Each structure stands twice: as C-alpha cells, then as structure tokens.
N, C-alpha and C. Protein backbone atom coordinates (compact mmCIF):
# COMPACT_ATOMS: atom_id res chain seq x y z
N MET A 1 0.85 -1.17 0.00
CA MET A 1 0.00 0.00 0.00
C MET A 1 0.90 1.24 0.00
N ASP A 2 0.47 2.26 -0.72
CA ASP A 2 1.25 3.49 -0.80
C ASP A 2 1.45 4.06 0.59
N GLU A 3 2.53 4.81 0.76
CA GLU A 3 2.84 5.41 2.06
C GLU A 3 1.82 6.49 2.43
N HIS A 4 1.37 7.27 1.45
CA HIS A 4 0.40 8.33 1.72
C HIS A 4 -0.80 8.15 0.80
N LEU A 5 -1.97 8.05 1.41
CA LEU A 5 -3.20 7.85 0.65
C LEU A 5 -4.18 8.97 0.94
N SER A 6 -4.95 9.35 -0.07
CA SER A 6 -6.04 10.28 0.17
C SER A 6 -7.18 9.48 0.81
N ILE A 7 -8.17 10.17 1.31
CA ILE A 7 -9.30 9.47 1.93
C ILE A 7 -10.04 8.62 0.89
N GLY A 8 -10.12 9.10 -0.33
CA GLY A 8 -10.76 8.34 -1.40
C GLY A 8 -10.00 7.06 -1.73
N GLU A 9 -8.67 7.16 -1.78
CA GLU A 9 -7.83 5.98 -2.04
C GLU A 9 -7.95 4.98 -0.90
N LEU A 10 -7.94 5.49 0.33
CA LEU A 10 -8.07 4.61 1.50
C LEU A 10 -9.43 3.91 1.47
N ALA A 11 -10.47 4.65 1.13
CA ALA A 11 -11.81 4.07 1.06
C ALA A 11 -11.87 2.97 0.01
N LYS A 12 -11.30 3.24 -1.14
CA LYS A 12 -11.31 2.27 -2.24
C LYS A 12 -10.54 1.01 -1.87
N LYS A 13 -9.36 1.18 -1.30
CA LYS A 13 -8.52 0.03 -0.95
C LYS A 13 -9.10 -0.78 0.20
N SER A 14 -9.77 -0.12 1.13
CA SER A 14 -10.27 -0.81 2.32
C SER A 14 -11.70 -1.32 2.17
N GLY A 15 -12.44 -0.75 1.22
CA GLY A 15 -13.85 -1.12 1.08
C GLY A 15 -14.72 -0.44 2.12
N VAL A 16 -14.19 0.59 2.78
CA VAL A 16 -14.94 1.35 3.78
C VAL A 16 -15.27 2.71 3.16
N LYS A 17 -16.52 3.12 3.27
CA LYS A 17 -16.95 4.38 2.67
C LYS A 17 -16.25 5.57 3.32
N VAL A 18 -16.05 6.61 2.52
CA VAL A 18 -15.42 7.84 2.99
C VAL A 18 -16.13 8.38 4.22
N VAL A 19 -17.46 8.41 4.18
CA VAL A 19 -18.22 8.96 5.30
C VAL A 19 -17.99 8.13 6.57
N THR A 20 -17.78 6.83 6.41
CA THR A 20 -17.52 5.96 7.57
C THR A 20 -16.13 6.22 8.12
N ILE A 21 -15.17 6.43 7.24
CA ILE A 21 -13.81 6.76 7.68
C ILE A 21 -13.84 8.06 8.49
N ARG A 22 -14.53 9.05 7.98
CA ARG A 22 -14.64 10.33 8.70
C ARG A 22 -15.32 10.12 10.05
N TYR A 23 -16.36 9.28 10.09
CA TYR A 23 -17.06 8.98 11.34
C TYR A 23 -16.12 8.31 12.34
N TYR A 24 -15.35 7.33 11.87
CA TYR A 24 -14.40 6.65 12.76
C TYR A 24 -13.39 7.64 13.33
N GLU A 25 -12.98 8.62 12.53
CA GLU A 25 -12.09 9.66 13.03
C GLU A 25 -12.80 10.50 14.09
N GLN A 26 -14.04 10.87 13.79
CA GLN A 26 -14.82 11.73 14.69
C GLN A 26 -15.01 11.09 16.06
N ILE A 27 -15.24 9.77 16.10
CA ILE A 27 -15.48 9.10 17.38
C ILE A 27 -14.20 8.54 18.01
N GLY A 28 -13.07 8.77 17.36
CA GLY A 28 -11.79 8.41 17.93
C GLY A 28 -11.32 6.98 17.68
N LEU A 29 -11.97 6.24 16.80
CA LEU A 29 -11.50 4.90 16.47
C LEU A 29 -10.30 4.95 15.55
N LEU A 30 -10.25 5.96 14.72
CA LEU A 30 -9.16 6.13 13.77
C LEU A 30 -8.53 7.49 14.04
N ALA A 31 -7.22 7.50 14.20
CA ALA A 31 -6.52 8.76 14.49
C ALA A 31 -6.68 9.74 13.33
N ALA A 32 -6.79 10.99 13.69
CA ALA A 32 -6.87 12.03 12.65
C ALA A 32 -5.57 12.01 11.85
N PRO A 33 -5.68 12.03 10.54
CA PRO A 33 -4.48 11.98 9.71
C PRO A 33 -3.82 13.36 9.59
N GLU A 34 -2.60 13.34 9.09
CA GLU A 34 -1.94 14.59 8.78
C GLU A 34 -2.68 15.25 7.62
N ARG A 35 -2.45 16.55 7.47
CA ARG A 35 -3.09 17.29 6.38
C ARG A 35 -2.01 17.85 5.46
N THR A 36 -2.34 17.91 4.20
CA THR A 36 -1.43 18.50 3.22
C THR A 36 -1.53 20.03 3.34
N GLU A 37 -0.68 20.72 2.60
CA GLU A 37 -0.75 22.18 2.58
C GLU A 37 -2.11 22.65 2.09
N GLY A 38 -2.74 21.85 1.24
CA GLY A 38 -4.07 22.18 0.73
C GLY A 38 -5.18 21.71 1.65
N ASN A 39 -4.83 21.24 2.85
CA ASN A 39 -5.75 20.78 3.89
C ASN A 39 -6.46 19.46 3.55
N TYR A 40 -5.85 18.65 2.68
CA TYR A 40 -6.40 17.32 2.39
C TYR A 40 -5.83 16.32 3.39
N ARG A 41 -6.67 15.36 3.77
CA ARG A 41 -6.21 14.30 4.67
C ARG A 41 -5.23 13.40 3.92
N THR A 42 -4.17 12.96 4.60
CA THR A 42 -3.26 11.96 4.04
C THR A 42 -3.08 10.85 5.07
N TYR A 43 -3.35 9.65 4.63
CA TYR A 43 -3.33 8.47 5.50
C TYR A 43 -2.08 7.65 5.22
N ASN A 44 -1.61 6.94 6.25
CA ASN A 44 -0.43 6.10 6.10
C ASN A 44 -0.80 4.63 6.33
N ARG A 45 0.21 3.79 6.30
CA ARG A 45 0.01 2.34 6.47
C ARG A 45 -0.65 2.02 7.82
N GLU A 46 -0.28 2.74 8.86
CA GLU A 46 -0.87 2.51 10.18
C GLU A 46 -2.38 2.76 10.17
N HIS A 47 -2.80 3.83 9.49
CA HIS A 47 -4.23 4.10 9.36
C HIS A 47 -4.92 2.95 8.61
N ALA A 48 -4.28 2.52 7.52
CA ALA A 48 -4.87 1.44 6.71
C ALA A 48 -4.98 0.15 7.51
N ASN A 49 -3.95 -0.18 8.28
CA ASN A 49 -3.98 -1.40 9.09
C ASN A 49 -5.07 -1.33 10.16
N ARG A 50 -5.16 -0.18 10.81
CA ARG A 50 -6.17 0.00 11.86
C ARG A 50 -7.57 -0.06 11.25
N LEU A 51 -7.76 0.56 10.11
CA LEU A 51 -9.06 0.54 9.44
C LEU A 51 -9.42 -0.89 9.04
N SER A 52 -8.44 -1.65 8.58
CA SER A 52 -8.66 -3.05 8.22
C SER A 52 -9.11 -3.85 9.45
N PHE A 53 -8.48 -3.61 10.60
CA PHE A 53 -8.84 -4.27 11.85
C PHE A 53 -10.28 -3.92 12.23
N ILE A 54 -10.61 -2.63 12.15
CA ILE A 54 -11.96 -2.17 12.49
C ILE A 54 -12.98 -2.82 11.56
N ARG A 55 -12.67 -2.82 10.28
CA ARG A 55 -13.62 -3.40 9.31
C ARG A 55 -13.83 -4.88 9.59
N ARG A 56 -12.79 -5.61 9.88
CA ARG A 56 -12.91 -7.05 10.16
C ARG A 56 -13.78 -7.26 11.40
N CYS A 57 -13.56 -6.47 12.43
CA CYS A 57 -14.40 -6.56 13.64
C CYS A 57 -15.86 -6.28 13.30
N ARG A 58 -16.10 -5.24 12.52
CA ARG A 58 -17.47 -4.88 12.16
C ARG A 58 -18.10 -5.97 11.29
N ASP A 59 -17.32 -6.54 10.36
CA ASP A 59 -17.83 -7.64 9.53
C ASP A 59 -18.26 -8.83 10.38
N LEU A 60 -17.59 -9.01 11.52
CA LEU A 60 -17.93 -10.11 12.43
C LEU A 60 -19.01 -9.72 13.42
N GLY A 61 -19.54 -8.50 13.27
CA GLY A 61 -20.68 -8.10 14.07
C GLY A 61 -20.37 -7.46 15.41
N PHE A 62 -19.11 -7.17 15.68
CA PHE A 62 -18.77 -6.52 16.95
C PHE A 62 -19.33 -5.10 16.93
N PRO A 63 -20.03 -4.70 17.99
CA PRO A 63 -20.48 -3.31 18.07
C PRO A 63 -19.30 -2.38 18.30
N LEU A 64 -19.49 -1.10 18.00
CA LEU A 64 -18.38 -0.15 18.06
C LEU A 64 -17.73 -0.06 19.44
N ASP A 65 -18.50 -0.21 20.52
CA ASP A 65 -17.87 -0.14 21.84
C ASP A 65 -16.92 -1.31 22.06
N GLN A 66 -17.28 -2.49 21.53
CA GLN A 66 -16.38 -3.64 21.64
C GLN A 66 -15.19 -3.50 20.70
N VAL A 67 -15.40 -2.89 19.54
CA VAL A 67 -14.27 -2.62 18.62
C VAL A 67 -13.28 -1.70 19.32
N ARG A 68 -13.80 -0.69 19.99
CA ARG A 68 -12.93 0.24 20.74
C ARG A 68 -12.13 -0.53 21.80
N ASP A 69 -12.81 -1.43 22.52
CA ASP A 69 -12.12 -2.24 23.54
C ASP A 69 -11.04 -3.13 22.91
N LEU A 70 -11.38 -3.75 21.77
CA LEU A 70 -10.41 -4.62 21.10
C LEU A 70 -9.20 -3.83 20.61
N LEU A 71 -9.44 -2.64 20.10
CA LEU A 71 -8.32 -1.79 19.66
C LEU A 71 -7.44 -1.42 20.85
N ARG A 72 -8.07 -1.06 21.96
CA ARG A 72 -7.30 -0.71 23.16
C ARG A 72 -6.50 -1.91 23.64
N LEU A 73 -7.16 -3.06 23.71
CA LEU A 73 -6.48 -4.26 24.20
C LEU A 73 -5.34 -4.69 23.27
N SER A 74 -5.53 -4.52 21.97
CA SER A 74 -4.50 -4.94 21.02
C SER A 74 -3.24 -4.08 21.12
N SER A 75 -3.38 -2.89 21.67
CA SER A 75 -2.20 -2.03 21.79
C SER A 75 -1.57 -2.08 23.18
N GLU A 76 -2.20 -2.82 24.09
CA GLU A 76 -1.64 -2.95 25.43
C GLU A 76 -0.65 -4.10 25.49
N ASP A 77 0.23 -4.02 26.45
CA ASP A 77 1.18 -5.11 26.67
C ASP A 77 0.73 -5.89 27.90
N ALA A 78 -0.48 -6.47 27.81
CA ALA A 78 -1.05 -7.21 28.94
C ALA A 78 -0.36 -8.56 29.09
N PRO A 79 -0.36 -9.10 30.31
CA PRO A 79 0.29 -10.39 30.54
C PRO A 79 -0.46 -11.56 29.88
N SER A 80 -1.77 -11.37 29.59
CA SER A 80 -2.53 -12.43 28.93
C SER A 80 -3.64 -11.81 28.08
N CYS A 81 -4.27 -12.64 27.29
CA CYS A 81 -5.36 -12.17 26.43
C CYS A 81 -6.72 -12.53 27.04
N GLU A 82 -6.76 -12.70 28.35
CA GLU A 82 -7.99 -13.10 29.04
C GLU A 82 -9.16 -12.16 28.76
N GLU A 83 -8.90 -10.86 28.76
CA GLU A 83 -9.97 -9.90 28.53
C GLU A 83 -10.52 -10.00 27.10
N VAL A 84 -9.64 -10.23 26.15
CA VAL A 84 -10.07 -10.40 24.75
C VAL A 84 -10.92 -11.66 24.63
N CYS A 85 -10.50 -12.73 25.27
CA CYS A 85 -11.26 -13.98 25.23
C CYS A 85 -12.64 -13.80 25.83
N GLY A 86 -12.73 -13.06 26.92
CA GLY A 86 -14.02 -12.80 27.55
C GLY A 86 -14.93 -11.99 26.66
N LEU A 87 -14.37 -10.98 26.01
CA LEU A 87 -15.13 -10.15 25.09
C LEU A 87 -15.64 -10.99 23.93
N ALA A 88 -14.79 -11.83 23.38
CA ALA A 88 -15.18 -12.70 22.26
C ALA A 88 -16.25 -13.70 22.71
N ALA A 89 -16.14 -14.22 23.92
CA ALA A 89 -17.13 -15.17 24.42
C ALA A 89 -18.50 -14.50 24.57
N ARG A 90 -18.52 -13.26 25.07
CA ARG A 90 -19.78 -12.52 25.19
C ARG A 90 -20.39 -12.26 23.82
N HIS A 91 -19.54 -11.93 22.86
CA HIS A 91 -20.04 -11.67 21.51
C HIS A 91 -20.60 -12.96 20.90
N LEU A 92 -19.91 -14.07 21.11
CA LEU A 92 -20.38 -15.37 20.62
C LEU A 92 -21.74 -15.69 21.22
N GLN A 93 -21.92 -15.46 22.51
CA GLN A 93 -23.21 -15.73 23.16
C GLN A 93 -24.31 -14.88 22.54
N SER A 94 -24.00 -13.63 22.26
CA SER A 94 -24.96 -12.74 21.62
C SER A 94 -25.36 -13.27 20.24
N ILE A 95 -24.39 -13.74 19.49
CA ILE A 95 -24.66 -14.30 18.16
C ILE A 95 -25.51 -15.56 18.28
N GLU A 96 -25.17 -16.43 19.22
CA GLU A 96 -25.95 -17.66 19.41
C GLU A 96 -27.37 -17.35 19.83
N ASP A 97 -27.57 -16.33 20.66
CA ASP A 97 -28.93 -15.91 21.05
C ASP A 97 -29.71 -15.42 19.83
N LYS A 98 -29.05 -14.65 18.96
CA LYS A 98 -29.71 -14.16 17.75
C LYS A 98 -30.07 -15.31 16.82
N ILE A 99 -29.17 -16.28 16.69
CA ILE A 99 -29.45 -17.44 15.85
C ILE A 99 -30.67 -18.19 16.38
N ALA A 100 -30.75 -18.38 17.70
CA ALA A 100 -31.90 -19.07 18.30
C ALA A 100 -33.19 -18.30 18.01
N ASP A 101 -33.14 -16.95 18.13
CA ASP A 101 -34.32 -16.14 17.82
C ASP A 101 -34.72 -16.29 16.36
N LEU A 102 -33.73 -16.28 15.46
CA LEU A 102 -34.02 -16.43 14.03
C LEU A 102 -34.58 -17.82 13.72
N GLU A 103 -34.09 -18.85 14.40
CA GLU A 103 -34.63 -20.20 14.19
C GLU A 103 -36.09 -20.28 14.65
N ARG A 104 -36.41 -19.62 15.78
CA ARG A 104 -37.81 -19.58 16.24
C ARG A 104 -38.68 -18.83 15.24
N LEU A 105 -38.16 -17.72 14.73
CA LEU A 105 -38.89 -16.94 13.74
C LEU A 105 -39.13 -17.76 12.47
N ALA A 106 -38.10 -18.45 12.00
CA ALA A 106 -38.25 -19.28 10.80
C ALA A 106 -39.29 -20.37 11.00
N ALA A 107 -39.29 -21.00 12.17
CA ALA A 107 -40.28 -22.05 12.45
C ALA A 107 -41.68 -21.47 12.45
N GLU A 108 -41.84 -20.30 13.04
CA GLU A 108 -43.16 -19.66 13.09
C GLU A 108 -43.62 -19.27 11.68
N LEU A 109 -42.71 -18.73 10.89
CA LEU A 109 -43.07 -18.36 9.51
C LEU A 109 -43.41 -19.60 8.67
N ARG A 110 -42.68 -20.71 8.89
CA ARG A 110 -43.02 -21.95 8.18
C ARG A 110 -44.41 -22.42 8.57
N ARG A 111 -44.72 -22.37 9.88
CA ARG A 111 -46.03 -22.79 10.36
C ARG A 111 -47.13 -21.93 9.76
N MET A 112 -46.91 -20.61 9.77
CA MET A 112 -47.92 -19.70 9.21
C MET A 112 -48.08 -19.92 7.70
N SER A 113 -46.99 -20.09 6.99
CA SER A 113 -47.04 -20.29 5.54
C SER A 113 -47.73 -21.59 5.18
N ALA A 114 -47.53 -22.62 5.99
CA ALA A 114 -48.16 -23.91 5.72
C ALA A 114 -49.67 -23.82 5.88
N SER A 115 -50.15 -22.88 6.69
CA SER A 115 -51.60 -22.78 6.91
C SER A 115 -52.26 -21.86 5.89
N CYS A 116 -51.50 -21.35 4.95
CA CYS A 116 -52.05 -20.41 3.97
C CYS A 116 -51.94 -21.02 2.58
N SER A 117 -53.10 -21.11 1.93
CA SER A 117 -53.12 -21.69 0.58
C SER A 117 -52.83 -20.65 -0.49
N GLY A 118 -52.95 -19.38 -0.14
CA GLY A 118 -52.74 -18.32 -1.11
C GLY A 118 -53.97 -18.03 -1.95
N SER A 119 -55.03 -18.81 -1.73
CA SER A 119 -56.24 -18.63 -2.55
C SER A 119 -57.38 -17.97 -1.77
N LEU A 120 -57.19 -17.74 -0.50
CA LEU A 120 -58.25 -17.12 0.31
C LEU A 120 -58.29 -15.62 0.08
N PRO A 121 -59.45 -15.01 0.30
CA PRO A 121 -59.50 -13.54 0.24
C PRO A 121 -58.63 -12.97 1.36
N MET A 122 -58.13 -11.75 1.16
CA MET A 122 -57.23 -11.14 2.14
C MET A 122 -57.85 -11.13 3.53
N SER A 123 -59.15 -10.94 3.63
CA SER A 123 -59.80 -10.88 4.94
C SER A 123 -59.71 -12.20 5.69
N ASP A 124 -59.43 -13.32 4.98
CA ASP A 124 -59.31 -14.64 5.61
C ASP A 124 -57.87 -15.18 5.61
N CYS A 125 -56.92 -14.34 5.27
CA CYS A 125 -55.52 -14.79 5.18
C CYS A 125 -55.02 -15.26 6.55
N ARG A 126 -54.55 -16.49 6.62
CA ARG A 126 -54.09 -17.08 7.89
C ARG A 126 -52.82 -16.41 8.41
N ILE A 127 -51.96 -15.96 7.51
CA ILE A 127 -50.73 -15.30 7.94
C ILE A 127 -51.05 -13.96 8.59
N ILE A 128 -51.90 -13.16 7.93
CA ILE A 128 -52.31 -11.88 8.52
C ILE A 128 -53.01 -12.12 9.85
N GLU A 129 -53.84 -13.13 9.91
CA GLU A 129 -54.55 -13.47 11.14
C GLU A 129 -53.56 -13.82 12.26
N ALA A 130 -52.56 -14.62 11.94
CA ALA A 130 -51.56 -15.03 12.94
C ALA A 130 -50.72 -13.83 13.39
N LEU A 131 -50.38 -12.95 12.47
CA LEU A 131 -49.59 -11.77 12.82
C LEU A 131 -50.38 -10.79 13.67
N ALA A 132 -51.70 -10.76 13.49
CA ALA A 132 -52.54 -9.82 14.22
C ALA A 132 -52.87 -10.30 15.64
N GLN A 133 -52.62 -11.58 15.93
CA GLN A 133 -52.93 -12.10 17.26
C GLN A 133 -52.05 -11.44 18.30
N ASP A 134 -52.64 -11.16 19.44
CA ASP A 134 -51.89 -10.58 20.56
C ASP A 134 -51.14 -11.70 21.24
N VAL A 135 -49.82 -11.63 21.23
CA VAL A 135 -48.99 -12.69 21.80
C VAL A 135 -49.17 -12.81 23.31
N HIS A 136 -49.56 -11.72 23.95
CA HIS A 136 -49.66 -11.72 25.41
C HIS A 136 -51.03 -12.16 25.91
N SER A 137 -51.98 -12.42 25.01
CA SER A 137 -53.31 -12.82 25.49
C SER A 137 -53.49 -14.30 25.50
C-alpha cells in the first residue's frame, strides 16, 4: 500500500466508505491523519492497518464499543489475552442468542405459511390473522 493515501484511495482500498472513515475519526476509532498544505487528509500504512482491523471486527458483528475495547487491548502489553477472550465469548453468546431467535422466527413463519393456501381472500388470510394475534393474550 502506498505510504500516503487520500481518503478516497483509502476508502477504495479498504472497502470502507469515505463517510464511515470520517465517522471513525470523529469518534476516535481512527486517528486524525496529517493534512497537506491544501488541507487534504493523508493516510499512512498505520491508518490502513487499523481501518482493516476495524472493518474485520465490524464484519464479524462486533459493536463499536467492543471494537474500541479490542483496539485498546491490542495495543496494550497485557500479561494475557484473558480480557479479549471474555469479550469474544460474550459476543459469541450474543450471536448464538440471535441465531436461536431467528430459528424460532423461521419455524413460526413456516407454520404460518403452511396454513395459507394463497387462494383465500385477504380478509381470511391465515398469515395476517396469525400476525394480528396478541402474543400476550
């Protein structure tokens, strides 16, 4: 990667939108870059590496507060990676909870779809009827 990149070049190479790069700078995830005499941002390899790390975390579904923690932990000289493992375990549990919710949703949608022939008038649609039911009653 080139030593000095414009924000557009960094966005293109990283697959992260310019507006997102600016946002990451604004919230302190990405250090503000040096500016040229014309006041254009210039990014270096360190910015690109950090942005790549952030993007990978985001691709894996880590929320920004956890990305911030991972960035902090990755730059510390801690005696162990226990805190990182704990953070990853909590994120895994969150993902597994979401998967379980999606599996319940899929089962419910399959059940509703099986009860609908598609030939009834809208007023008798079993899916609409099932969706309109009060879950708490």
